């Protein structure tokens, strides 16, 4: 995993967010997988269509530019049922590199973020104290 590949895939996901009317609330690219928290921006936003399109675009252009396959055949997704869980899930996603032992603090990991807010604002709203890890 390196910055050019992560940036490339992130841009394809953002492109899909725009075309499918989703907001990218949180993302974290781990060495062998990615976590995304997206939110539909209107009543006809279709999560399955978003996932299929994001994987199709990023996978096709990744293979074309980097000469290797990007996605496994199957993935895992779930729908949040209660709005108040969004910040908790965002924090969980953003803390993945800390739990995996890749960094000591969320702020140190270069492959995470949000298209709608700053990482610091999300973490603060979710009750994160960077001094405690």
C-alpha atoms as a PDB file:
ATOM      1  CA  UNK A   1       0.000   0.000   0.000  1.00  0.00           C
ATOM      2  CA  UNK A   2       1.335   3.397  -0.949  1.00  0.00           C
ATOM      3  CA  UNK A   3       0.008   6.930  -1.319  1.00  0.00           C
ATOM      4  CA  UNK A   4      -0.384   6.923  -5.126  1.00  0.00           C
ATOM      5  CA  UNK A   5      -2.525   3.762  -5.063  1.00  0.00           C
ATOM      6  CA  UNK A   6      -4.611   4.879  -2.100  1.00  0.00           C
ATOM      7  CA  UNK A   7      -5.150   8.332  -3.607  1.00  0.00           C
ATOM      8  CA  UNK A   8      -6.121   6.765  -6.916  1.00  0.00           C
ATOM      9  CA  UNK A   9      -8.741   4.483  -5.352  1.00  0.00           C
ATOM     10  CA  UNK A  10     -10.011   7.237  -3.032  1.00  0.00           C
ATOM     11  CA  UNK A  11     -10.588   9.508  -6.035  1.00  0.00           C
ATOM     12  CA  UNK A  12     -12.572   6.793  -7.811  1.00  0.00           C
ATOM     13  CA  UNK A  13     -14.696   6.303  -4.692  1.00  0.00           C
ATOM     14  CA  UNK A  14     -15.279  10.069  -4.455  1.00  0.00           C
ATOM     15  CA  UNK A  15     -16.228  10.096  -8.133  1.00  0.00           C
ATOM     16  CA  UNK A  16     -18.788   7.384  -7.413  1.00  0.00           C
ATOM     17  CA  UNK A  17     -20.061   9.290  -4.379  1.00  0.00           C
ATOM     18  CA  UNK A  18     -20.757  12.271  -6.603  1.00  0.00           C
ATOM     19  CA  UNK A  19     -22.507  10.317  -9.347  1.00  0.00           C
ATOM     20  CA  UNK A  20     -24.530   8.145  -6.962  1.00  0.00           C
ATOM     21  CA  UNK A  21     -25.305  10.957  -4.478  1.00  0.00           C
ATOM     22  CA  UNK A  22     -23.486   9.652  -1.443  1.00  0.00           C
ATOM     23  CA  UNK A  23     -21.304  11.454   1.073  1.00  0.00           C
ATOM     24  CA  UNK A  24     -18.064   9.810   2.175  1.00  0.00           C
ATOM     25  CA  UNK A  25     -18.340  10.279   5.929  1.00  0.00           C
ATOM     26  CA  UNK A  26     -15.235   8.256   6.872  1.00  0.00           C
ATOM     27  CA  UNK A  27     -12.674   6.034   5.185  1.00  0.00           C
ATOM     28  CA  UNK A  28      -9.625   4.059   6.221  1.00  0.00           C
ATOM     29  CA  UNK A  29      -7.380   2.185   3.818  1.00  0.00           C
ATOM     30  CA  UNK A  30      -5.727  -0.690   5.648  1.00  0.00           C
ATOM     31  CA  UNK A  31      -2.912  -2.786   4.135  1.00  0.00           C
ATOM     32  CA  UNK A  32      -5.332  -5.428   2.797  1.00  0.00           C
ATOM     33  CA  UNK A  33      -8.806  -3.871   2.908  1.00  0.00           C
ATOM     34  CA  UNK A  34     -10.730  -0.615   3.134  1.00  0.00           C
ATOM     35  CA  UNK A  35     -13.412   0.666   5.489  1.00  0.00           C
ATOM     36  CA  UNK A  36     -15.961   3.150   4.162  1.00  0.00           C
ATOM     37  CA  UNK A  37     -18.826   4.922   5.880  1.00  0.00           C
ATOM     38  CA  UNK A  38     -21.096   6.483   3.291  1.00  0.00           C
ATOM     39  CA  UNK A  39     -24.420   8.219   3.624  1.00  0.00           C
ATOM     40  CA  UNK A  40     -27.064   8.557   0.921  1.00  0.00           C
ATOM     41  CA  UNK A  41     -27.900  12.163   0.183  1.00  0.00           C
ATOM     42  CA  UNK A  42     -31.428  11.626  -1.112  1.00  0.00           C
ATOM     43  CA  UNK A  43     -34.281   9.129  -0.902  1.00  0.00           C
ATOM     44  CA  UNK A  44     -33.309   7.216  -4.039  1.00  0.00           C
ATOM     45  CA  UNK A  45     -29.656   6.674  -3.059  1.00  0.00           C
ATOM     46  CA  UNK A  46     -28.977   2.954  -3.523  1.00  0.00           C
ATOM     47  CA  UNK A  47     -26.162   1.519  -1.388  1.00  0.00           C
ATOM     48  CA  UNK A  48     -25.812  -1.690  -3.401  1.00  0.00           C
ATOM     49  CA  UNK A  49     -25.553   0.303  -6.612  1.00  0.00           C
ATOM     50  CA  UNK A  50     -22.993   2.602  -4.982  1.00  0.00           C
ATOM     51  CA  UNK A  51     -20.838  -0.329  -3.831  1.00  0.00           C
ATOM     52  CA  UNK A  52     -21.025  -2.083  -7.201  1.00  0.00           C
ATOM     53  CA  UNK A  53     -20.171   1.121  -9.078  1.00  0.00           C
ATOM     54  CA  UNK A  54     -17.336   2.120  -6.720  1.00  0.00           C
ATOM     55  CA  UNK A  55     -15.760  -1.331  -6.993  1.00  0.00           C
ATOM     56  CA  UNK A  56     -16.262  -1.403 -10.762  1.00  0.00           C
ATOM     57  CA  UNK A  57     -14.706   2.018 -11.395  1.00  0.00           C
ATOM     58  CA  UNK A  58     -11.840   1.727  -8.956  1.00  0.00           C
ATOM     59  CA  UNK A  59     -11.094  -1.886  -9.877  1.00  0.00           C
ATOM     60  CA  UNK A  60     -11.093  -1.265 -13.626  1.00  0.00           C
ATOM     61  CA  UNK A  61      -8.905   1.835 -13.495  1.00  0.00           C
ATOM     62  CA  UNK A  62      -6.638   0.350 -10.843  1.00  0.00           C
ATOM     63  CA  UNK A  63      -5.920  -2.687 -13.028  1.00  0.00           C
ATOM     64  CA  UNK A  64      -5.387  -0.440 -16.040  1.00  0.00           C
ATOM     65  CA  UNK A  65      -2.967   1.869 -14.189  1.00  0.00           C
ATOM     66  CA  UNK A  66      -1.217  -0.501 -11.793  1.00  0.00           C
ATOM     67  CA  UNK A  67      -1.527  -3.866 -13.546  1.00  0.00           C
ATOM     68  CA  UNK A  68      -3.079  -5.784 -10.676  1.00  0.00           C
ATOM     69  CA  UNK A  69      -6.464  -6.754  -9.306  1.00  0.00           C
ATOM     70  CA  UNK A  70      -7.858  -4.585  -6.523  1.00  0.00           C
ATOM     71  CA  UNK A  71     -10.944  -6.187  -5.016  1.00  0.00           C
ATOM     72  CA  UNK A  72     -11.845  -9.615  -3.713  1.00  0.00           C
ATOM     73  CA  UNK A  73     -15.046 -11.094  -5.067  1.00  0.00           C
ATOM     74  CA  UNK A  74     -16.979 -10.632  -1.834  1.00  0.00           C
ATOM     75  CA  UNK A  75     -17.032  -7.898   0.757  1.00  0.00           C
ATOM     76  CA  UNK A  76     -18.895  -7.062   3.898  1.00  0.00           C
ATOM     77  CA  UNK A  77     -21.353  -4.238   4.271  1.00  0.00           C
ATOM     78  CA  UNK A  78     -24.032  -3.286   6.678  1.00  0.00           C
ATOM     79  CA  UNK A  79     -26.597  -0.520   6.988  1.00  0.00           C
ATOM     80  CA  UNK A  80     -26.694   1.668  10.075  1.00  0.00           C
ATOM     81  CA  UNK A  81     -30.171   1.682  11.505  1.00  0.00           C
ATOM     82  CA  UNK A  82     -29.907   4.571  13.958  1.00  0.00           C
ATOM     83  CA  UNK A  83     -28.516   7.976  13.079  1.00  0.00           C
ATOM     84  CA  UNK A  84     -26.767   8.380  16.432  1.00  0.00           C
ATOM     85  CA  UNK A  85     -24.495   5.431  15.595  1.00  0.00           C
ATOM     86  CA  UNK A  86     -22.818   7.293  12.748  1.00  0.00           C
ATOM     87  CA  UNK A  87     -20.145   8.974  14.880  1.00  0.00           C
ATOM     88  CA  UNK A  88     -19.467   5.768  16.804  1.00  0.00           C
ATOM     89  CA  UNK A  89     -18.967   3.851  13.550  1.00  0.00           C
ATOM     90  CA  UNK A  90     -16.853   6.657  12.087  1.00  0.00           C
ATOM     91  CA  UNK A  91     -14.618   6.600  15.155  1.00  0.00           C
ATOM     92  CA  UNK A  92     -14.325   2.806  14.948  1.00  0.00           C
ATOM     93  CA  UNK A  93     -13.288   3.067  11.294  1.00  0.00           C
ATOM     94  CA  UNK A  94     -10.759   5.826  11.953  1.00  0.00           C
ATOM     95  CA  UNK A  95      -9.247   3.935  14.903  1.00  0.00           C
ATOM     96  CA  UNK A  96      -8.546   0.770  12.890  1.00  0.00           C
ATOM     97  CA  UNK A  97      -4.837   1.551  12.321  1.00  0.00           C
ATOM     98  CA  UNK A  98      -4.373   2.083  16.076  1.00  0.00           C
ATOM     99  CA  UNK A  99      -6.061  -1.225  16.935  1.00  0.00           C
ATOM    100  CA  UNK A 100      -3.945  -2.957  14.278  1.00  0.00           C
ATOM    101  CA  UNK A 101      -0.754  -1.560  15.813  1.00  0.00           C
ATOM    102  CA  UNK A 102       0.178   0.430  12.708  1.00  0.00           C
ATOM    103  CA  UNK A 103       0.305   3.749  14.591  1.00  0.00           C
ATOM    104  CA  UNK A 104      -0.076   4.952  18.170  1.00  0.00           C
ATOM    105  CA  UNK A 105      -2.579   7.721  17.362  1.00  0.00           C
ATOM    106  CA  UNK A 106      -5.228   8.176  14.674  1.00  0.00           C
ATOM    107  CA  UNK A 107      -3.604  11.417  13.522  1.00  0.00           C
ATOM    108  CA  UNK A 108      -0.416   9.572  12.523  1.00  0.00           C
ATOM    109  CA  UNK A 109      -2.021   7.354   9.870  1.00  0.00           C
ATOM    110  CA  UNK A 110      -1.927   8.851   6.370  1.00  0.00           C
ATOM    111  CA  UNK A 111      -4.614   6.737   4.704  1.00  0.00           C
ATOM    112  CA  UNK A 112      -7.790   7.784   6.498  1.00  0.00           C
ATOM    113  CA  UNK A 113     -10.127  10.725   6.399  1.00  0.00           C
ATOM    114  CA  UNK A 114     -13.509  12.104   5.497  1.00  0.00           C
ATOM    115  CA  UNK A 115     -14.923  14.063   2.591  1.00  0.00           C
ATOM    116  CA  UNK A 116     -17.418  15.880   4.811  1.00  0.00           C
ATOM    117  CA  UNK A 117     -15.446  16.832   7.915  1.00  0.00           C
ATOM    118  CA  UNK A 118     -12.010  16.812   9.427  1.00  0.00           C
ATOM    119  CA  UNK A 119     -10.794  13.722  11.217  1.00  0.00           C
ATOM    120  CA  UNK A 120     -10.218  15.822  14.338  1.00  0.00           C
ATOM    121  CA  UNK A 121     -13.816  17.068  14.333  1.00  0.00           C
ATOM    122  CA  UNK A 122     -15.231  13.560  13.917  1.00  0.00           C
ATOM    123  CA  UNK A 123     -13.019  12.143  16.639  1.00  0.00           C
ATOM    124  CA  UNK A 124     -13.830  14.982  19.029  1.00  0.00           C
ATOM    125  CA  UNK A 125     -17.565  14.648  18.408  1.00  0.00           C
ATOM    126  CA  UNK A 126     -17.260  10.904  19.044  1.00  0.00           C
ATOM    127  CA  UNK A 127     -15.510  11.469  22.382  1.00  0.00           C
ATOM    128  CA  UNK A 128     -11.928  10.707  21.322  1.00  0.00           C
ATOM    129  CA  UNK A 129      -9.066  12.130  23.380  1.00  0.00           C
ATOM    130  CA  UNK A 130      -5.850  12.023  21.340  1.00  0.00           C
ATOM    131  CA  UNK A 131      -3.775  12.195  24.523  1.00  0.00           C
ATOM    132  CA  UNK A 132      -5.158   8.841  25.650  1.00  0.00           C
ATOM    133  CA  UNK A 133      -4.800   7.037  22.297  1.00  0.00           C
END
